[in-house]
Amino acid sequence: MVELYSKHVYHVAYSVLHDSKEAEDAAQEAFVQVHKSLPQYRNEGFKTWLTRIALHKALDIKRKQDRRPAELIDVTETLLQLPSRDEDVLVRLIREERNVELSQKIAQLPQQHRDIIQAYYMQGKTYDQIAEEMQVALKTVESRLYRARQWIRNHWKEEEWQ
């Protein structure tokens, strides 16, 4: 497990800490936590679960750093640790995790609501495109989308759909 996921866990920790030694420590703590928590694992996407643990360990270390008195920082070391222009790993991981959770929730919608929600929100189709594909009137698309949104509001907790 460590061989398979060590780079991923390290990158998650580094995206938060921007320090290689601290990221290594956070990664090691994450694997220790995973080992301790394996009996409670609910078989829901192992990599996502592992990522969440690594993220929390890195955030714990970050909080400890923030509580320490300010230390003199070596300018050259700081310049070497500046993040790249690539999208921050943490932001990407959080977005991917939310997308997985949202896809799972959408899959549980009644069929008539799921189709319209996927077409409009997930595939980014316009009302006209949906009407043409489903061979229905434009007003039908509007009313189906309205009813699907109402169903979500009535059946999901507010924090699940915002």
Protein backbone atom coordinates (compact mmCIF):
# COMPACT_ATOMS: atom_id res chain seq x y z
CA MET A 1 0.00 0.00 0.00
CA VAL A 2 2.79 2.43 0.92
CA GLU A 3 4.68 1.73 -2.31
CA LEU A 4 1.55 2.23 -4.37
CA TYR A 5 0.33 5.48 -2.79
CA SER A 6 3.42 7.10 -1.22
CA LYS A 7 3.98 9.64 -4.02
CA HIS A 8 0.33 10.62 -4.06
CA VAL A 9 0.19 11.09 -0.28
CA TYR A 10 3.44 13.06 -0.32
CA HIS A 11 2.12 15.38 -3.05
CA VAL A 12 -1.07 16.01 -1.11
CA ALA A 13 0.90 16.87 2.02
CA TYR A 14 3.37 19.02 0.07
CA SER A 15 0.55 20.99 -1.56
CA VAL A 16 -0.49 22.13 1.92
CA LEU A 17 2.88 22.48 3.63
CA HIS A 18 5.27 23.51 0.82
CA ASP A 19 8.13 21.95 2.76
CA SER A 20 9.59 18.59 1.79
CA LYS A 21 10.59 17.44 5.29
CA GLU A 22 7.22 18.41 6.77
CA ALA A 23 5.44 16.73 3.85
CA GLU A 24 7.40 13.53 4.47
CA ASP A 25 6.41 13.64 8.14
CA ALA A 26 2.76 14.22 7.26
CA ALA A 27 2.81 11.36 4.73
CA GLN A 28 4.30 9.02 7.31
CA GLU A 29 1.69 10.03 9.89
CA ALA A 30 -1.03 9.53 7.30
CA PHE A 31 0.04 5.95 6.63
CA VAL A 32 0.19 5.23 10.35
CA GLN A 33 -3.35 6.63 10.69
CA VAL A 34 -4.55 4.56 7.72
CA HIS A 35 -3.15 1.42 9.33
CA LYS A 36 -4.91 2.22 12.60
CA SER A 37 -8.19 3.10 10.84
CA LEU A 38 -8.43 0.19 8.40
CA PRO A 39 -11.04 -1.64 10.52
CA GLN A 40 -13.35 1.38 10.21
CA TYR A 41 -12.87 1.72 6.43
CA ARG A 42 -16.28 1.52 4.72
CA ASN A 43 -15.18 0.48 1.23
CA GLU A 44 -15.96 3.89 -0.34
CA GLY A 45 -13.09 4.82 -2.64
CA PHE A 46 -9.82 3.98 -0.97
CA LYS A 47 -7.75 6.69 -2.67
CA THR A 48 -10.25 9.39 -1.69
CA TRP A 49 -10.23 8.13 1.90
CA LEU A 50 -6.43 8.02 1.95
CA THR A 51 -6.24 11.51 0.44
CA ARG A 52 -8.57 12.88 3.08
CA ILE A 53 -6.41 11.40 5.88
CA ALA A 54 -3.23 12.80 4.30
CA LEU A 55 -4.85 16.19 3.92
CA HIS A 56 -5.93 16.28 7.56
CA LYS A 57 -2.46 15.25 8.77
CA ALA A 58 -0.88 17.99 6.66
CA LEU A 59 -3.36 20.54 7.98
CA ASP A 60 -2.58 19.47 11.55
CA ILE A 61 1.12 20.07 10.95
CA LYS A 62 0.34 23.40 9.27
CA ARG A 63 -1.65 24.50 12.34
CA LYS A 64 1.26 23.56 14.60
CA GLN A 65 3.61 25.59 12.39
CA ASP A 66 1.32 28.60 12.57
CA ARG A 67 1.38 28.48 16.38
CA ARG A 68 5.19 28.45 16.52
CA PRO A 69 6.98 31.78 16.91
CA ALA A 70 8.09 33.30 13.66
CA GLU A 71 11.50 32.06 12.56
CA LEU A 72 13.93 33.64 10.17
CA ILE A 73 13.34 32.22 6.72
CA ASP A 74 16.11 31.52 4.26
CA VAL A 75 15.20 33.45 1.11
CA THR A 76 16.74 30.94 -1.29
CA GLU A 77 14.90 28.05 0.36
CA THR A 78 11.65 29.99 0.11
CA LEU A 79 12.19 30.67 -3.58
CA LEU A 80 12.82 26.98 -4.23
CA GLN A 81 9.57 26.06 -2.54
CA LEU A 82 7.30 28.45 -4.42
CA PRO A 83 4.37 26.59 -5.95
CA SER A 84 4.34 26.04 -9.68
CA ARG A 85 1.81 27.60 -12.01
CA ASP A 86 0.07 24.26 -12.21
CA GLU A 87 -3.23 23.98 -10.41
CA ASP A 88 -2.72 23.41 -6.72
CA VAL A 89 -3.01 19.70 -5.94
CA LEU A 90 -5.19 20.38 -2.94
CA VAL A 91 -7.72 22.35 -4.96
CA ARG A 92 -7.83 19.64 -7.63
CA LEU A 93 -8.27 16.85 -5.07
CA ILE A 94 -11.09 18.64 -3.30
CA ARG A 95 -12.85 19.31 -6.60
CA GLU A 96 -12.44 15.66 -7.67
CA GLU A 97 -13.77 14.43 -4.35
CA ARG A 98 -16.82 16.71 -4.59
CA ASN A 99 -17.44 15.55 -8.16
CA VAL A 100 -17.37 11.90 -7.09
CA GLU A 101 -19.75 12.58 -4.21
CA LEU A 102 -22.07 14.59 -6.46
CA SER A 103 -22.07 11.88 -9.14
CA GLN A 104 -23.02 9.31 -6.51
CA LYS A 105 -25.87 11.52 -5.29
CA ILE A 106 -27.11 12.16 -8.83
CA ALA A 107 -27.06 8.43 -9.56
CA GLN A 108 -29.59 8.01 -6.73
CA LEU A 109 -32.07 10.47 -8.28
CA PRO A 110 -35.25 9.14 -9.91
CA GLN A 111 -34.60 8.45 -13.60
CA GLN A 112 -36.64 11.39 -14.99
CA HIS A 113 -34.77 13.85 -12.75
CA ARG A 114 -31.36 12.25 -13.24
CA ASP A 115 -31.50 12.54 -17.04
CA ILE A 116 -32.35 16.24 -17.08
CA ILE A 117 -29.85 17.13 -14.31
CA GLN A 118 -27.03 15.26 -16.05
CA ALA A 119 -27.79 16.83 -19.42
CA TYR A 120 -27.99 20.39 -18.11
CA TYR A 121 -25.44 20.50 -15.29
CA MET A 122 -22.99 17.70 -15.98
CA GLN A 123 -22.89 17.83 -19.77
CA GLY A 124 -23.50 21.59 -20.04
CA LYS A 125 -26.21 21.34 -22.66
CA THR A 126 -28.62 24.17 -23.37
CA TYR A 127 -32.39 23.88 -23.04
CA ASP A 128 -32.64 23.79 -26.83
CA GLN A 129 -30.13 20.96 -27.13
CA ILE A 130 -31.89 18.93 -24.45
CA ALA A 131 -35.29 19.50 -26.05
CA GLU A 132 -33.98 18.35 -29.40
CA GLU A 133 -32.29 15.24 -27.97
CA MET A 134 -35.27 14.24 -25.85
CA GLN A 135 -37.69 15.21 -28.62
CA VAL A 136 -39.83 17.34 -26.31
CA ALA A 137 -40.91 20.97 -26.23
CA LEU A 138 -38.66 23.63 -24.71
CA LYS A 139 -41.24 24.28 -21.97
CA THR A 140 -41.13 20.58 -21.08
CA VAL A 141 -37.38 20.81 -20.51
CA GLU A 142 -37.88 23.88 -18.31
CA SER A 143 -40.58 22.23 -16.22
CA ARG A 144 -38.62 18.96 -15.85
CA LEU A 145 -35.55 20.86 -14.71
CA TYR A 146 -37.66 22.85 -12.26
CA ARG A 147 -39.22 19.66 -10.85
CA ALA A 148 -35.79 18.01 -10.56
CA ARG A 149 -34.44 20.98 -8.60
CA GLN A 150 -37.48 20.91 -6.33
CA TRP A 151 -36.97 17.18 -5.72
CA ILE A 152 -33.34 17.82 -4.76
CA ARG A 153 -34.30 20.62 -2.39
CA ASN A 154 -36.91 18.43 -0.72
CA HIS A 155 -34.85 15.24 -0.45
CA TRP A 156 -31.25 16.32 0.11
CA LYS A 157 -29.89 18.17 3.09
CA GLU A 158 -28.95 21.72 2.14
CA GLU A 159 -25.19 21.17 2.63
CA GLU A 160 -25.33 18.26 0.16
CA TRP A 161 -26.38 20.38 -2.81
CA GLN A 162 -24.64 23.69 -2.23
